[in-house]
Amino acid sequence: MDRSKRLLFLIVSSLIAVYAAIAALQFAQFQSLNNSLGKANDNALWALIQLHVDYQRLDAAFEVHLMDESKISLADLTFRYELFVGRIISCQVGQSKKLMEKQAIYVSAMQALNQFSAEADHYLGATADRPADAKSKRALYARLATLEESIRELGLKASLASAEVADARRAEVTKQVLVASALTVFQCLLTLLLALAMLRQYRQRASAQAETLRSQSELVDALKRNEEVLEARVQERTQALALLNDSLQAQTIELELARIQSDQASKMKSDFLANMSHEIRTPMNAVIGMSYLVLKSNLTFKQRDYIEKIQKSGQHLLGIINDILDFSKIESGYLKIEMLDFDLDKLLENVADLLLEKINTKGLELVFDIAADVPRTLCGDALRLEQVLINYANNAVKFTHEGMIKLVCRVQEHDESGVLLYWAVSDTGIGLSPEQVERLFQSFQQADASTTRRYGGTGLGLAISKQLANLMGGEVGVQSVLGEGSTFWFTSRVGMSSLAQRELLPSLDLRHQAVLVVDDNADSARVLADLLLTMTFRPVVALSGLAAIDELARAATAGDPFKVIFLDWRMPHMGGRETAIAIQRMQLAISPRLIVVTAYGREEVLSEVDAAEVDEILTKPVNASQLFDTTMRVLDTNQKPTIALRVKNADMDLSSIQGARILLVEDNDLNQQVGMDLLQGAGFIVDLAENGQQAVNKVQQVRYDLVLMDMQMPVMDGIEATQIIRQWPDFMSLPIVAMTANAMQVDQERCAIAGMNGHVAKPIEPHDLWLALLRWITPRPMSERVAMVPEADRPTDHNLKHKLEMLHVPGLNVAAGLRRVLGKETLYLEMLRKFIHGQSALIAEISLALEEKDHATAERLLHSSKSVAGSIGAVDLADLAAELEALLRHRPTDPMLKPMLEAFSSTLVGFLVDLIVALDGVNQGEELPEGQIAEPLAISIMAVDDTPMNLLLIDRMLNKEFKIQLAHHGAEALAMLAADPLPQLILLDILMPEIDGYEVCRRIKADARMQHIPVIFMSARSDAEDEMLGMELGAVDYMAKPLCLPLLLSRVKAQLALHAIGKV
């Protein structure tokens, strides 16, 4: 027997021994299991038998206790009872229950025992609630005796059941062991067969292994032969890879050199463009600026024509330069798209403002068709978006001789990140052929050479628009029909703004009102009707004046009259003026408000509206915000809408009370001026008190016919002053009328409780004030009345009236403000100036009061701001102040206070800046009254520029209103700043020799003495990086040359206002 066979025999023998051991182990387990099973039954049986034992013990203890309590006390008896109850419980669970639960005696015995224990617990249990007297104990003992037979029988049945269960388990286990033994024998047989199979397999494997060894020997010989061949090939390829690696390294070096050269070339190109921008814009600044100044002087007609052509040519050349520079920036990759919040309506207003002059000159109409689902506040690059729209629109205007230009905006896609907007500009111009369309959107390409000769242009505008659209995540395209017009479109992806979306919905009582849209242009009428429909109105369209008259008659007959009419002013056959007069002559039961919608200038319409009752004027194109705000103004039931600034003075007969002495108690100087002017102009004698304490003192000194009392004032408020006055018997009947911006019912109740007779809400409407005076001032006898000397007819300042009519400040209802001063233009203008002066430090004062926890002062300041804002017609600002005042009054620790104050601050600053800029146009050309000497200019501005022509332009533009300091380079500017006095603002050129503007700004901001001075950078380099770096250094604004001089003046005034408010 060889070694392998002996090993196999040994394995088989071991397996047999192992199985024998398994059999022995199973036998031992059988015996152990048998014993444990028997023990388990014995335990269950023992518990049931022990129940009988515990019963006997309880019975004996009960008997002894009943005979003699001294031998076994109640506590011992209770203890025995608890043991018995515990035994009952143990018999109801575990093995005992499993053993007997199917026996009838078990169920009845357990039921009887449970009933007994339930009754005995009242006397012997741990929570006994009844006294254990002799009678009750005997009853329990008798009840216990009835249980003995059941318990004894239960024990016997348990013994029998335990024996039966044990026998059954032994039989079952014996059966299982026999089966296991049989399986073991079977396994032994299988193992034997396995051993035989393994022996056979071993023989086969030995034979196969011998064959494998022979094959391997042959393979080794073949591999040895091939190894030599492979080594030769590897060596050959290694040499080839070395050559390729050397070549690759050489190419890498060449590419790196090429990249460096490309970067240098790109930088050189960028520097060249920046220098060219500077060199070109500097003389352009002189051309455009000087022509602007010359146009402001006295010129002959021919001279003015020459200068205007020079200026237009300069502007045209500047536009071409800007296109070339923008195109170069895009090609160089320097132009980046910003992501900033912007207001869509503001963007559209800017586009309209830039296009309207060209549109009106050619007699075209511009229509904005913006879908209702387009968000009004977005996040993106508004400047570049506006640039593409203006490029498209300028092309449309250039190639259109009659008809209309329509700007369309739709939402193409919407997801969580934002929206993809579809923009289109359509015209009714010359159109394009398919061949011409193919050449569009390419650099320096127009439709054809004849187009360039006839219309001009470089062909860069559309190429730039395409690149900008791509940068904004969109694309461009065009549809056109030769001779019929074109539609240029593009898409842009914008994000959703973090700013709140304004909801353009009227109050519930104004919704679903019928309105009439009258316009001969069907597209324009449809767009306006769609906007009104989204605002919940019910628009009806009439395409002519005659159709409008028919619709009005039909609506009146149906009992569903129109509340507002939107009337186009230029229509064929029956124009807007004729239609308005015809509507008046209809004498409708309910007169609709009339809003003129015109594609032409407001001046042209204003000159024609005197014969027509027109409430408002809207200039096309109309956006949603303008339309909503105007509609809400004319539907406001608290005021009668008036066109532009025209005030209707409804005179009242005040002769019966004229000459009465009135005490005006008011702390705000603007409201003081309004009140004094109104009351004195109406024939009253007026005294002024600036707070409640002064009012109390004056009432004791002078006998007044009426007191107009503000509620919130420093030192002493109106409520406290009224309470003190009412304590004196002589003044119990003195009429005191509250005149305050607090118009809530609770405030009126406070006034009444304090002893005030009435209430007039601010902003003061003259009509309401006259009614209050007529009600509370006792009429004088005819003999005592003071004859009112009529005011001399005030000569109308037509120039000032015209300027106020054209005054446009977002959030300012000029008509309402003028009405409150009875149409006195000069007084209203003075109120606006005082508002700017009085509100400039408001935010700083409120913030200081809040820091010092002086909520009363902060609330008073807001109350005063609400009042004066309402007086001048700044309704939105007054509403914000009212909300903030209410929050501060009721919840001064509310976390919303800070963001609301920031929102109010932002709104106030924006309003002040807009008002300053708007008033600049009113102030220009205003002469001082005769004999009045102008005060020395108090505000000093330093201009720093190395180009003398630029300094001359700035000096000529600003020296009428400011004291100008001129510095010709950075070193001179720093030397001038080292001495006193310091300027209030610095205009600083960037590119200067030796010390440039950046370095000058760094030194200014590093010096604590002058770091507060606002700096406006000026540069002929149109580079976003220059602007960004300037802002990082601390500049407040950046202006590209050539300077737009009116814009420069507006920027300077705006920054001075912001600086005064403390926002810079």
Foldseek 3Di string as FASTA:
>chain_A
DDDVVVVLVVVLVVVVVVLVVVLVVLVVVLVVVLVVLLVLLVVLLVLLVVLLVLLVVLLVLLVVCLVPCVVPPLLNSLVSVVVNVVSLVVCCDDPNCVLPVVPPLNVVLSVLVVVLCVVCCCDRNPPNVDDDDSVNSVVSSVSSVVNNVSSVVSSVVSVVSSVVVSVVVSVVSVVVSVVVVVVSVVVSVVSVVVSVVVVVVVVVVVVVVVVVVVVVVVVVVVVVVVVVVVVVVVVVVVVVVVVVVVVVVVVVVVVVVVVVVVVVVLVVVQVVLLVVLFVVQVVLLLLQLVLVVVCVDDDDPVVVVVSVVSNVVSVVVVVQSVLVSLVSCLVSVQDAKFWAKDFQVVLVVVLCVVCLVLCVVLVEAEAEQEDPPDFGIFIIRSVLVSLLVNLQVVVQSLFARYYYKYWYKDFPDQDQFFTKIKIKIKHQGQWADPQLQVQALDFQDHSDPVCCVPRNDRSSSSVSSQSSLVSQVKGWHKDTDGNGIIMTMMIGTIGHDPDDGDDLEDPPVPAQAEEEEEALDPVRSVSVQSLVVSRRYHYDYHNHLVSVVVVQVVCLVVVRHHQEYEAEQDDPPQGRLNSQLVLVVVVGPHRHAYEYEYQDDPVVVVVRCPNGQHQEYHHPPDDNVNVSVVVCQCVPPVDHGHYQADADDDDDPPQQQAAFEEEEEAQDPLVVLLVVLLNVLVRYHYDYHNALVSVLVVVVVDPGQEYEAEAAHPPHGRLVSLLVQCVDPVCLLRAYEYEFQPPDPVVQVSCVVSRHDYYAHPPHQSVSVSVVCVVRGDGDPPVPGDDDDHDDPDDDPVLLVVLSSVQDFPQARQNQLCNSSVNDSVSLLVLLVVLLVVCLQLLVVLVVCVVVVNLSVNLSSLRVNLRSCRNNRNNVLSVLSVVLSVCSVPPVPDPVNVVSSVVSVVVVLSRSLSSLLSCVVSPPPDDDPPPDDDDPQDAEEEEEALDVSVVVSLCVLPVVRHHYHYHNALVRVVVVCVDDDHGQEYEAEADGPPQGRLNSLLVQCVDPVRVLRAYEYEYSRPRVVVVVSVVVSPHPYYYYGSDPSSVVVSVVSSVSSCSSSPND
